[in-house]
Amino acid sequence: VDPRWVRPVPAELVTLARDHRLVVTVEDGVRTGGVGDAVAK
């Protein structure tokens, strides 16, 4: 998926995550405080 709008984290992204065994984010910004952190929260 491409969230398109990464902040705030789209509610639909959370819904999609419920149906999967693992979530992986990949971004071209620093990990600390990045999109991965936001999705985890």
PDB file of all heavy atoms in Angstrom:
ATOM      1  N   VAL A   1       0.840  -1.202   0.000  1.00  0.00           N
ATOM      2  CA  VAL A   1       0.000   0.000   0.000  1.00  0.00           C
ATOM      3  C   VAL A   1       0.872   1.247   0.000  1.00  0.00           C
ATOM      4  O   VAL A   1       1.972   1.262   0.543  1.00  0.00           O
ATOM      5  CB  VAL A   1      -0.946   0.032   1.220  1.00  0.00           C
ATOM      6  CG1 VAL A   1      -1.954  -1.106   1.157  1.00  0.00           C
ATOM      7  CG2 VAL A   1      -0.170   0.009   2.527  1.00  0.00           C
ATOM      8  N   ASP A   2       0.349   2.270  -0.634  1.00  0.00           N
ATOM      9  CA  ASP A   2       0.931   3.610  -0.593  1.00  0.00           C
ATOM     10  C   ASP A   2      -0.046   4.463   0.204  1.00  0.00           C
ATOM     11  O   ASP A   2      -1.153   4.743  -0.253  1.00  0.00           O
ATOM     12  CB  ASP A   2       1.100   4.156  -2.014  1.00  0.00           C
ATOM     13  CG  ASP A   2       1.434   5.638  -2.032  1.00  0.00           C
ATOM     14  OD1 ASP A   2       1.765   6.202  -0.969  1.00  0.00           O
ATOM     15  OD2 ASP A   2       1.359   6.255  -3.125  1.00  0.00           O
ATOM     16  N   PRO A   3       0.320   4.897   1.407  1.00  0.00           N
ATOM     17  CA  PRO A   3      -0.634   5.652   2.229  1.00  0.00           C
ATOM     18  C   PRO A   3      -0.994   7.011   1.643  1.00  0.00           C
ATOM     19  O   PRO A   3      -2.006   7.596   2.024  1.00  0.00           O
ATOM     20  CB  PRO A   3       0.089   5.801   3.568  1.00  0.00           C
ATOM     21  CG  PRO A   3       1.528   5.577   3.275  1.00  0.00           C
ATOM     22  CD  PRO A   3       1.587   4.639   2.105  1.00  0.00           C
ATOM     23  N   ARG A   4      -0.156   7.506   0.723  1.00  0.00           N
ATOM     24  CA  ARG A   4      -0.347   8.812   0.087  1.00  0.00           C
ATOM     25  C   ARG A   4      -0.195   9.935   1.111  1.00  0.00           C
ATOM     26  O   ARG A   4       0.697  10.753   0.997  1.00  0.00           O
ATOM     27  CB  ARG A   4      -1.706   8.912  -0.619  1.00  0.00           C
ATOM     28  CG  ARG A   4      -1.905   7.865  -1.723  1.00  0.00           C
ATOM     29  CD  ARG A   4      -3.292   7.934  -2.376  1.00  0.00           C
ATOM     30  NE  ARG A   4      -3.528   9.179  -3.055  1.00  0.00           N
ATOM     31  CZ  ARG A   4      -4.308  10.145  -2.583  1.00  0.00           C
ATOM     32  NH1 ARG A   4      -4.923   9.999  -1.416  1.00  0.00           N
ATOM     33  NH2 ARG A   4      -4.482  11.248  -3.278  1.00  0.00           N
ATOM     34  N   TRP A   5      -1.036   9.983   2.106  1.00  0.00           N
ATOM     35  CA  TRP A   5      -0.899  10.939   3.201  1.00  0.00           C
ATOM     36  C   TRP A   5      -0.375  10.169   4.412  1.00  0.00           C
ATOM     37  O   TRP A   5      -1.066   9.312   4.947  1.00  0.00           O
ATOM     38  CB  TRP A   5      -2.230  11.628   3.512  1.00  0.00           C
ATOM     39  CG  TRP A   5      -2.609  12.590   2.422  1.00  0.00           C
ATOM     40  CD1 TRP A   5      -3.266  12.297   1.260  1.00  0.00           C
ATOM     41  CD2 TRP A   5      -2.298  13.978   2.370  1.00  0.00           C
ATOM     42  NE1 TRP A   5      -3.396  13.424   0.489  1.00  0.00           N
ATOM     43  CE2 TRP A   5      -2.811  14.479   1.145  1.00  0.00           C
ATOM     44  CE3 TRP A   5      -1.647  14.855   3.233  1.00  0.00           C
ATOM     45  CZ2 TRP A   5      -2.678  15.815   0.772  1.00  0.00           C
ATOM     46  CZ3 TRP A   5      -1.523  16.196   2.866  1.00  0.00           C
ATOM     47  CH2 TRP A   5      -2.034  16.659   1.643  1.00  0.00           C
ATOM     48  N   VAL A   6       0.866  10.467   4.804  1.00  0.00           N
ATOM     49  CA  VAL A   6       1.512   9.667   5.852  1.00  0.00           C
ATOM     50  C   VAL A   6       1.300  10.226   7.248  1.00  0.00           C
ATOM     51  O   VAL A   6       1.489   9.522   8.239  1.00  0.00           O
ATOM     52  CB  VAL A   6       3.022   9.519   5.566  1.00  0.00           C
ATOM     53  CG1 VAL A   6       3.246   8.771   4.269  1.00  0.00           C
ATOM     54  CG2 VAL A   6       3.734  10.872   5.538  1.00  0.00           C
ATOM     55  N   ARG A   7       0.959  11.494   7.355  1.00  0.00           N
ATOM     56  CA  ARG A   7       0.620  12.098   8.637  1.00  0.00           C
ATOM     57  C   ARG A   7      -0.634  12.948   8.468  1.00  0.00           C
ATOM     58  O   ARG A   7      -0.667  13.798   7.583  1.00  0.00           O
ATOM     59  CB  ARG A   7       1.766  12.983   9.152  1.00  0.00           C
ATOM     60  CG  ARG A   7       3.034  12.244   9.509  1.00  0.00           C
ATOM     61  CD  ARG A   7       2.818  11.337  10.711  1.00  0.00           C
ATOM     62  NE  ARG A   7       4.063  10.663  11.083  1.00  0.00           N
ATOM     63  CZ  ARG A   7       4.894  11.105  12.032  1.00  0.00           C
ATOM     64  NH1 ARG A   7       4.625  12.199  12.690  1.00  0.00           N
ATOM     65  NH2 ARG A   7       5.991  10.428  12.319  1.00  0.00           N
ATOM     66  N   PRO A   8      -1.637  12.745   9.317  1.00  0.00           N
ATOM     67  CA  PRO A   8      -1.745  11.672  10.294  1.00  0.00           C
ATOM     68  C   PRO A   8      -1.928  10.322   9.595  1.00  0.00           C
ATOM     69  O   PRO A   8      -2.314  10.270   8.425  1.00  0.00           O
ATOM     70  CB  PRO A   8      -2.984  12.050  11.107  1.00  0.00           C
ATOM     71  CG  PRO A   8      -3.801  12.874  10.180  1.00  0.00           C
ATOM     72  CD  PRO A   8      -2.823  13.634   9.324  1.00  0.00           C
ATOM     73  N   VAL A   9      -1.645   9.241  10.324  1.00  0.00           N
ATOM     74  CA  VAL A   9      -1.759   7.899   9.746  1.00  0.00           C
ATOM     75  C   VAL A   9      -3.216   7.629   9.382  1.00  0.00           C
ATOM     76  O   VAL A   9      -4.106   7.774  10.223  1.00  0.00           O
ATOM     77  CB  VAL A   9      -1.254   6.842  10.741  1.00  0.00           C
ATOM     78  CG1 VAL A   9      -1.488   5.432  10.193  1.00  0.00           C
ATOM     79  CG2 VAL A   9       0.218   7.065  11.052  1.00  0.00           C
ATOM     80  N   PRO A  10      -3.492   7.272   8.130  1.00  0.00           N
ATOM     81  CA  PRO A  10      -4.879   7.015   7.721  1.00  0.00           C
ATOM     82  C   PRO A  10      -5.505   5.876   8.531  1.00  0.00           C
ATOM     83  O   PRO A  10      -4.866   4.840   8.769  1.00  0.00           O
ATOM     84  CB  PRO A  10      -4.757   6.630   6.245  1.00  0.00           C
ATOM     85  CG  PRO A  10      -3.440   7.183   5.804  1.00  0.00           C
ATOM     86  CD  PRO A  10      -2.552   7.116   7.006  1.00  0.00           C
ATOM     87  N   ALA A  11      -6.750   6.040   8.936  1.00  0.00           N
ATOM     88  CA  ALA A  11      -7.453   4.995   9.683  1.00  0.00           C
ATOM     89  C   ALA A  11      -7.547   3.711   8.865  1.00  0.00           C
ATOM     90  O   ALA A  11      -7.519   2.599   9.425  1.00  0.00           O
ATOM     91  CB  ALA A  11      -8.846   5.488  10.069  1.00  0.00           C
ATOM     92  N   GLU A  12      -7.645   3.852   7.555  1.00  0.00           N
ATOM     93  CA  GLU A  12      -7.759   2.674   6.694  1.00  0.00           C
ATOM     94  C   GLU A  12      -6.508   1.800   6.763  1.00  0.00           C
ATOM     95  O   GLU A  12      -6.577   0.589   6.584  1.00  0.00           O
ATOM     96  CB  GLU A  12      -8.010   3.103   5.246  1.00  0.00           C
ATOM     97  CG  GLU A  12      -9.321   3.840   5.016  1.00  0.00           C
ATOM     98  CD  GLU A  12      -9.219   5.321   5.355  1.00  0.00           C
ATOM     99  OE1 GLU A  12      -8.090   5.801   5.636  1.00  0.00           O
ATOM    100  OE2 GLU A  12     -10.269   6.001   5.334  1.00  0.00           O
ATOM    101  N   LEU A  13      -5.366   2.428   7.041  1.00  0.00           N
ATOM    102  CA  LEU A  13      -4.124   1.670   7.154  1.00  0.00           C
ATOM    103  C   LEU A  13      -4.171   0.746   8.377  1.00  0.00           C
ATOM    104  O   LEU A  13      -3.735  -0.407   8.324  1.00  0.00           O
ATOM    105  CB  LEU A  13      -2.947   2.633   7.254  1.00  0.00           C
ATOM    106  CG  LEU A  13      -1.555   2.101   6.906  1.00  0.00           C
ATOM    107  CD1 LEU A  13      -1.512   1.582   5.475  1.00  0.00           C
ATOM    108  CD2 LEU A  13      -0.515   3.200   7.093  1.00  0.00           C
ATOM    109  N   VAL A  14      -4.738   1.258   9.448  1.00  0.00           N
ATOM    110  CA  VAL A  14      -4.887   0.447  10.658  1.00  0.00           C
ATOM    111  C   VAL A  14      -5.841  -0.719  10.398  1.00  0.00           C
ATOM    112  O   VAL A  14      -5.578  -1.859  10.823  1.00  0.00           O
ATOM    113  CB  VAL A  14      -5.390   1.319  11.823  1.00  0.00           C
ATOM    114  CG1 VAL A  14      -5.650   0.466  13.066  1.00  0.00           C
ATOM    115  CG2 VAL A  14      -4.385   2.434  12.126  1.00  0.00           C
ATOM    116  N   THR A  15      -6.916  -0.453   9.683  1.00  0.00           N
ATOM    117  CA  THR A  15      -7.879  -1.510   9.365  1.00  0.00           C
ATOM    118  C   THR A  15      -7.234  -2.602   8.524  1.00  0.00           C
ATOM    119  O   THR A  15      -7.422  -3.799   8.774  1.00  0.00           O
ATOM    120  CB  THR A  15      -9.077  -0.910   8.610  1.00  0.00           C
ATOM    121  OG1 THR A  15      -9.705   0.078   9.441  1.00  0.00           O
ATOM    122  CG2 THR A  15     -10.096  -1.995   8.255  1.00  0.00           C
ATOM    123  N   LEU A  16      -6.453  -2.213   7.526  1.00  0.00           N
ATOM    124  CA  LEU A  16      -5.760  -3.185   6.688  1.00  0.00           C
ATOM    125  C   LEU A  16      -4.766  -4.004   7.509  1.00  0.00           C
ATOM    126  O   LEU A  16      -4.594  -5.206   7.288  1.00  0.00           O
ATOM    127  CB  LEU A  16      -5.027  -2.471   5.546  1.00  0.00           C
ATOM    128  CG  LEU A  16      -5.907  -1.898   4.433  1.00  0.00           C
ATOM    129  CD1 LEU A  16      -5.114  -0.921   3.574  1.00  0.00           C
ATOM    130  CD2 LEU A  16      -6.471  -3.018   3.570  1.00  0.00           C
ATOM    131  N   ALA A  17      -4.110  -3.363   8.462  1.00  0.00           N
ATOM    132  CA  ALA A  17      -3.103  -4.058   9.273  1.00  0.00           C
ATOM    133  C   ALA A  17      -3.723  -5.191  10.088  1.00  0.00           C
ATOM    134  O   ALA A  17      -3.079  -6.228  10.326  1.00  0.00           O
ATOM    135  CB  ALA A  17      -2.406  -3.066  10.192  1.00  0.00           C
ATOM    136  N   ARG A  18      -4.973  -5.035  10.512  1.00  0.00           N
ATOM    137  CA  ARG A  18      -5.625  -6.056  11.341  1.00  0.00           C
ATOM    138  C   ARG A  18      -5.667  -7.413  10.637  1.00  0.00           C
ATOM    139  O   ARG A  18      -5.658  -8.463  11.289  1.00  0.00           O
ATOM    140  CB  ARG A  18      -7.064  -5.642  11.665  1.00  0.00           C
ATOM    141  CG  ARG A  18      -7.203  -4.484  12.623  1.00  0.00           C
ATOM    142  CD  ARG A  18      -8.678  -4.211  12.902  1.00  0.00           C
ATOM    143  NE  ARG A  18      -8.865  -3.002  13.674  1.00  0.00           N
ATOM    144  CZ  ARG A  18      -8.813  -2.936  15.005  1.00  0.00           C
ATOM    145  NH1 ARG A  18      -8.575  -4.043  15.694  1.00  0.00           N
ATOM    146  NH2 ARG A  18      -8.999  -1.790  15.625  1.00  0.00           N
ATOM    147  N   ASP A  19      -5.722  -7.388   9.315  1.00  0.00           N
ATOM    148  CA  ASP A  19      -5.925  -8.617   8.556  1.00  0.00           C
ATOM    149  C   ASP A  19      -4.617  -9.290   8.156  1.00  0.00           C
ATOM    150  O   ASP A  19      -4.639 -10.282   7.418  1.00  0.00           O
ATOM    151  CB  ASP A  19      -6.738  -8.316   7.297  1.00  0.00           C
ATOM    152  CG  ASP A  19      -8.133  -7.780   7.613  1.00  0.00           C
ATOM    153  OD1 ASP A  19      -8.682  -8.167   8.668  1.00  0.00           O
ATOM    154  OD2 ASP A  19      -8.651  -6.966   6.811  1.00  0.00           O
ATOM    155  N   HIS A  20      -3.487  -8.773   8.611  1.00  0.00           N
ATOM    156  CA  HIS A  20      -2.196  -9.325   8.198  1.00  0.00           C
ATOM    157  C   HIS A  20      -1.409  -9.832   9.396  1.00  0.00           C
ATOM    158  O   HIS A  20      -1.655  -9.443  10.543  1.00  0.00           O
ATOM    159  CB  HIS A  20      -1.385  -8.268   7.443  1.00  0.00           C
ATOM    160  CG  HIS A  20      -1.959  -7.925   6.103  1.00  0.00           C
ATOM    161  ND1 HIS A  20      -3.061  -7.116   5.941  1.00  0.00           N
ATOM    162  CD2 HIS A  20      -1.589  -8.311   4.850  1.00  0.00           C
ATOM    163  CE1 HIS A  20      -3.353  -6.999   4.653  1.00  0.00           C
ATOM    164  NE2 HIS A  20      -2.469  -7.716   3.977  1.00  0.00           N
ATOM    165  N   ARG A  21      -0.473 -10.712   9.135  1.00  0.00           N
ATOM    166  CA  ARG A  21       0.351 -11.301  10.192  1.00  0.00           C
ATOM    167  C   ARG A  21       1.546 -10.423  10.556  1.00  0.00           C
ATOM    168  O   ARG A  21       2.125 -10.568  11.631  1.00  0.00           O
ATOM    169  CB  ARG A  21       0.840 -12.680   9.748  1.00  0.00           C
ATOM    170  CG  ARG A  21      -0.287 -13.658   9.409  1.00  0.00           C
ATOM    171  CD  ARG A  21       0.251 -14.892   8.693  1.00  0.00           C
ATOM    172  NE  ARG A  21       1.243 -15.573   9.511  1.00  0.00           N
ATOM    173  CZ  ARG A  21       2.350 -16.139   9.037  1.00  0.00           C
ATOM    174  NH1 ARG A  21       2.622 -16.080   7.745  1.00  0.00           N
ATOM    175  NH2 ARG A  21       3.188 -16.762   9.837  1.00  0.00           N
ATOM    176  N   LEU A  22       1.926  -9.533   9.643  1.00  0.00           N
ATOM    177  CA  LEU A  22       3.092  -8.682   9.853  1.00  0.00           C
ATOM    178  C   LEU A  22       2.901  -7.390   9.082  1.00  0.00           C
ATOM    179  O   LEU A  22       2.355  -7.390   7.969  1.00  0.00           O
ATOM    180  CB  LEU A  22       4.362  -9.398   9.363  1.00  0.00           C
ATOM    181  CG  LEU A  22       5.677  -8.614   9.391  1.00  0.00           C
ATOM    182  CD1 LEU A  22       6.126  -8.371  10.830  1.00  0.00           C
ATOM    183  CD2 LEU A  22       6.775  -9.362   8.610  1.00  0.00           C
ATOM    184  N   VAL A  23       3.339  -6.282   9.672  1.00  0.00           N
ATOM    185  CA  VAL A  23       3.348  -4.984   8.986  1.00  0.00           C
ATOM    186  C   VAL A  23       4.799  -4.541   8.849  1.00  0.00           C
ATOM    187  O   VAL A  23       5.569  -4.586   9.824  1.00  0.00           O
ATOM    188  CB  VAL A  23       2.539  -3.923   9.761  1.00  0.00           C
ATOM    189  CG1 VAL A  23       2.663  -2.551   9.078  1.00  0.00           C
ATOM    190  CG2 VAL A  23       1.079  -4.328   9.882  1.00  0.00           C
ATOM    191  N   VAL A  24       5.181  -4.106   7.648  1.00  0.00           N
ATOM    192  CA  VAL A  24       6.527  -3.579   7.401  1.00  0.00           C
ATOM    193  C   VAL A  24       6.385  -2.218   6.727  1.00  0.00           C
ATOM    194  O   VAL A  24       5.652  -2.080   5.743  1.00  0.00           O
ATOM    195  CB  VAL A  24       7.356  -4.517   6.505  1.00  0.00           C
ATOM    196  CG1 VAL A  24       8.711  -3.889   6.186  1.00  0.00           C
ATOM    197  CG2 VAL A  24       7.540  -5.876   7.175  1.00  0.00           C
ATOM    198  N   THR A  25       7.058  -1.214   7.270  1.00  0.00           N
ATOM    199  CA  THR A  25       7.091   0.102   6.628  1.00  0.00           C
ATOM    200  C   THR A  25       8.461   0.329   6.013  1.00  0.00           C
ATOM    201  O   THR A  25       9.472  -0.097   6.570  1.00  0.00           O
ATOM    202  CB  THR A  25       6.805   1.234   7.641  1.00  0.00           C
ATOM    203  OG1 THR A  25       7.832   1.250   8.636  1.00  0.00           O
ATOM    204  CG2 THR A  25       5.453   1.030   8.316  1.00  0.00           C
ATOM    205  N   VAL A  26       8.498   0.984   4.871  1.00  0.00           N
ATOM    206  CA  VAL A  26       9.768   1.321   4.234  1.00  0.00           C
ATOM    207  C   VAL A  26       9.686   2.769   3.760  1.00  0.00           C
ATOM    208  O   VAL A  26       8.755   3.148   3.043  1.00  0.00           O
ATOM    209  CB  VAL A  26      10.111   0.351   3.076  1.00  0.00           C
ATOM    210  CG1 VAL A  26       9.033   0.327   2.018  1.00  0.00           C
ATOM    211  CG2 VAL A  26      11.468   0.691   2.471  1.00  0.00           C
ATOM    212  N   GLU A  27      10.642   3.585   4.191  1.00  0.00           N
ATOM    213  CA  GLU A  27      10.595   5.024   3.928  1.00  0.00           C
ATOM    214  C   GLU A  27      11.997   5.558   3.670  1.00  0.00           C
ATOM    215  O   GLU A  27      12.999   4.959   4.090  1.00  0.00           O
ATOM    216  CB  GLU A  27       9.976   5.756   5.112  1.00  0.00           C
ATOM    217  CG  GLU A  27      10.725   5.558   6.420  1.00  0.00           C
ATOM    218  CD  GLU A  27       9.970   6.085   7.633  1.00  0.00           C
ATOM    219  OE1 GLU A  27       9.766   7.321   7.691  1.00  0.00           O
ATOM    220  OE2 GLU A  27       9.592   5.277   8.494  1.00  0.00           O
ATOM    221  N   ASP A  28      12.081   6.734   3.019  1.00  0.00           N
ATOM    222  CA  ASP A  28      13.382   7.338   2.737  1.00  0.00           C
ATOM    223  C   ASP A  28      13.665   8.495   3.686  1.00  0.00           C
ATOM    224  O   ASP A  28      14.370   9.447   3.346  1.00  0.00           O
ATOM    225  CB  ASP A  28      13.487   7.787   1.285  1.00  0.00           C
ATOM    226  CG  ASP A  28      12.423   8.807   0.898  1.00  0.00           C
ATOM    227  OD1 ASP A  28      11.484   9.014   1.699  1.00  0.00           O
ATOM    228  OD2 ASP A  28      12.529   9.384  -0.195  1.00  0.00           O
ATOM    229  N   GLY A  29      13.137   8.380   4.900  1.00  0.00           N
ATOM    230  CA  GLY A  29      13.454   9.306   5.971  1.00  0.00           C
ATOM    231  C   GLY A  29      14.044   8.541   7.137  1.00  0.00           C
ATOM    232  O   GLY A  29      14.097   7.305   7.128  1.00  0.00           O
ATOM    233  N   VAL A  30      14.506   9.277   8.163  1.00  0.00           N
ATOM    234  CA  VAL A  30      15.089   8.606   9.317  1.00  0.00           C
ATOM    235  C   VAL A  30      14.024   7.799  10.043  1.00  0.00           C
ATOM    236  O   VAL A  30      12.852   8.195  10.102  1.00  0.00           O
ATOM    237  CB  VAL A  30      15.768   9.594  10.288  1.00  0.00           C
ATOM    238  CG1 VAL A  30      16.979  10.227   9.648  1.00  0.00           C
ATOM    239  CG2 VAL A  30      14.795  10.655  10.768  1.00  0.00           C
ATOM    240  N   ARG A  31      14.432   6.651  10.594  1.00  0.00           N
ATOM    241  CA  ARG A  31      13.493   5.771  11.271  1.00  0.00           C
ATOM    242  C   ARG A  31      12.947   6.403  12.546  1.00  0.00           C
ATOM    243  O   ARG A  31      11.760   6.293  12.842  1.00  0.00           O
ATOM    244  CB  ARG A  31      14.168   4.446  11.611  1.00  0.00           C
ATOM    245  CG  ARG A  31      14.534   3.603  10.407  1.00  0.00           C
ATOM    246  CD  ARG A  31      15.346   2.393  10.842  1.00  0.00           C
ATOM    247  NE  ARG A  31      14.615   1.581  11.814  1.00  0.00           N
ATOM    248  CZ  ARG A  31      15.200   0.723  12.652  1.00  0.00           C
ATOM    249  NH1 ARG A  31      16.505   0.592  12.651  1.00  0.00           N
ATOM    250  NH2 ARG A  31      14.466   0.009  13.485  1.00  0.00           N
ATOM    251  N   THR A  32      13.822   7.065  13.306  1.00  0.00           N
ATOM    252  CA  THR A  32      13.412   7.640  14.583  1.00  0.00           C
ATOM    253  C   THR A  32      12.372   8.734  14.366  1.00  0.00           C
ATOM    254  O   THR A  32      12.656   9.753  13.746  1.00  0.00           O
ATOM    255  CB  THR A  32      14.622   8.219  15.335  1.00  0.00           C
ATOM    256  OG1 THR A  32      15.614   7.208  15.467  1.00  0.00           O
ATOM    257  CG2 THR A  32      14.215   8.744  16.701  1.00  0.00           C
ATOM    258  N   GLY A  33      11.172   8.498  14.848  1.00  0.00           N
ATOM    259  CA  GLY A  33      10.107   9.476  14.683  1.00  0.00           C
ATOM    260  C   GLY A  33       9.502   9.508  13.298  1.00  0.00           C
ATOM    261  O   GLY A  33       8.707  10.394  12.981  1.00  0.00           O
ATOM    262  N   GLY A  34       9.855   8.537  12.452  1.00  0.00           N
ATOM    263  CA  GLY A  34       9.379   8.539  11.078  1.00  0.00           C
ATOM    264  C   GLY A  34       8.015   7.887  10.913  1.00  0.00           C
ATOM    265  O   GLY A  34       7.253   7.702  11.870  1.00  0.00           O
ATOM    266  N   VAL A  35       7.720   7.499   9.680  1.00  0.00           N
ATOM    267  CA  VAL A  35       6.419   6.910   9.369  1.00  0.00           C
ATOM    268  C   VAL A  35       6.238   5.591  10.116  1.00  0.00           C
ATOM    269  O   VAL A  35       5.152   5.291  10.623  1.00  0.00           O
ATOM    270  CB  VAL A  35       6.273   6.704   7.853  1.00  0.00           C
ATOM    271  CG1 VAL A  35       4.967   5.989   7.531  1.00  0.00           C
ATOM    272  CG2 VAL A  35       6.331   8.047   7.123  1.00  0.00           C
ATOM    273  N   GLY A  36       7.302   4.800  10.198  1.00  0.00           N
ATOM    274  CA  GLY A  36       7.206   3.539  10.921  1.00  0.00           C
ATOM    275  C   GLY A  36       6.793   3.744  12.367  1.00  0.00           C
ATOM    276  O   GLY A  36       5.921   3.035  12.898  1.00  0.00           O
ATOM    277  N   ASP A  37       7.401   4.736  13.024  1.00  0.00           N
ATOM    278  CA  ASP A  37       7.022   5.058  14.394  1.00  0.00           C
ATOM    279  C   ASP A  37       5.559   5.473  14.480  1.00  0.00           C
ATOM    280  O   ASP A  37       4.831   5.085  15.403  1.00  0.00           O
ATOM    281  CB  ASP A  37       7.903   6.191  14.929  1.00  0.00           C
ATOM    282  CG  ASP A  37       9.156   5.684  15.621  1.00  0.00           C
ATOM    283  OD1 ASP A  37       9.269   4.460  15.831  1.00  0.00           O
ATOM    284  OD2 ASP A  37      10.028   6.507  15.942  1.00  0.00           O
ATOM    285  N   ALA A  38       5.134   6.290  13.524  1.00  0.00           N
ATOM    286  CA  ALA A  38       3.752   6.778  13.542  1.00  0.00           C
ATOM    287  C   ALA A  38       2.755   5.638  13.347  1.00  0.00           C
ATOM    288  O   ALA A  38       1.719   5.580  14.020  1.00  0.00           O
ATOM    289  CB  ALA A  38       3.564   7.835  12.455  1.00  0.00           C
ATOM    290  N   VAL A  39       3.055   4.727  12.426  1.00  0.00           N
ATOM    291  CA  VAL A  39       2.163   3.588  12.202  1.00  0.00           C
ATOM    292  C   VAL A  39       2.128   2.689  13.433  1.00  0.00           C
ATOM    293  O   VAL A  39       1.062   2.206  13.844  1.00  0.00           O
ATOM    294  CB  VAL A  39       2.593   2.799  10.953  1.00  0.00           C
ATOM    295  CG1 VAL A  39       1.762   1.521  10.805  1.00  0.00           C
ATOM    296  CG2 VAL A  39       2.444   3.663   9.701  1.00  0.00           C
ATOM    297  N   ALA A  40       3.293   2.446  14.051  1.00  0.00           N
ATOM    298  CA  ALA A  40       3.343   1.625  15.256  1.00  0.00           C
ATOM    299  C   ALA A  40       2.478   2.215  16.361  1.00  0.00           C
ATOM    300  O   ALA A  40       1.741   1.500  17.053  1.00  0.00           O
ATOM    301  CB  ALA A  40       4.787   1.487  15.730  1.00  0.00           C
ATOM    302  N   LYS A  41       2.542   3.532  16.526  1.00  0.00           N
ATOM    303  CA  LYS A  41       1.731   4.191  17.548  1.00  0.00           C
ATOM    304  C   LYS A  41       0.254   4.065  17.220  1.00  0.00           C
ATOM    305  O   LYS A  41      -0.584   3.809  18.109  1.00  0.00           O
ATOM    306  CB  LYS A  41       2.123   5.656  17.668  1.00  0.00           C
ATOM    307  CG  LYS A  41       1.322   6.447  18.696  1.00  0.00           C
ATOM    308  CD  LYS A  41       1.783   7.878  18.789  1.00  0.00           C
ATOM    309  CE  LYS A  41       1.006   8.643  19.854  1.00  0.00           C
ATOM    310  NZ  LYS A  41      -0.450   8.684  19.581  1.00  0.00           N
TER     311      LYS A  41
END
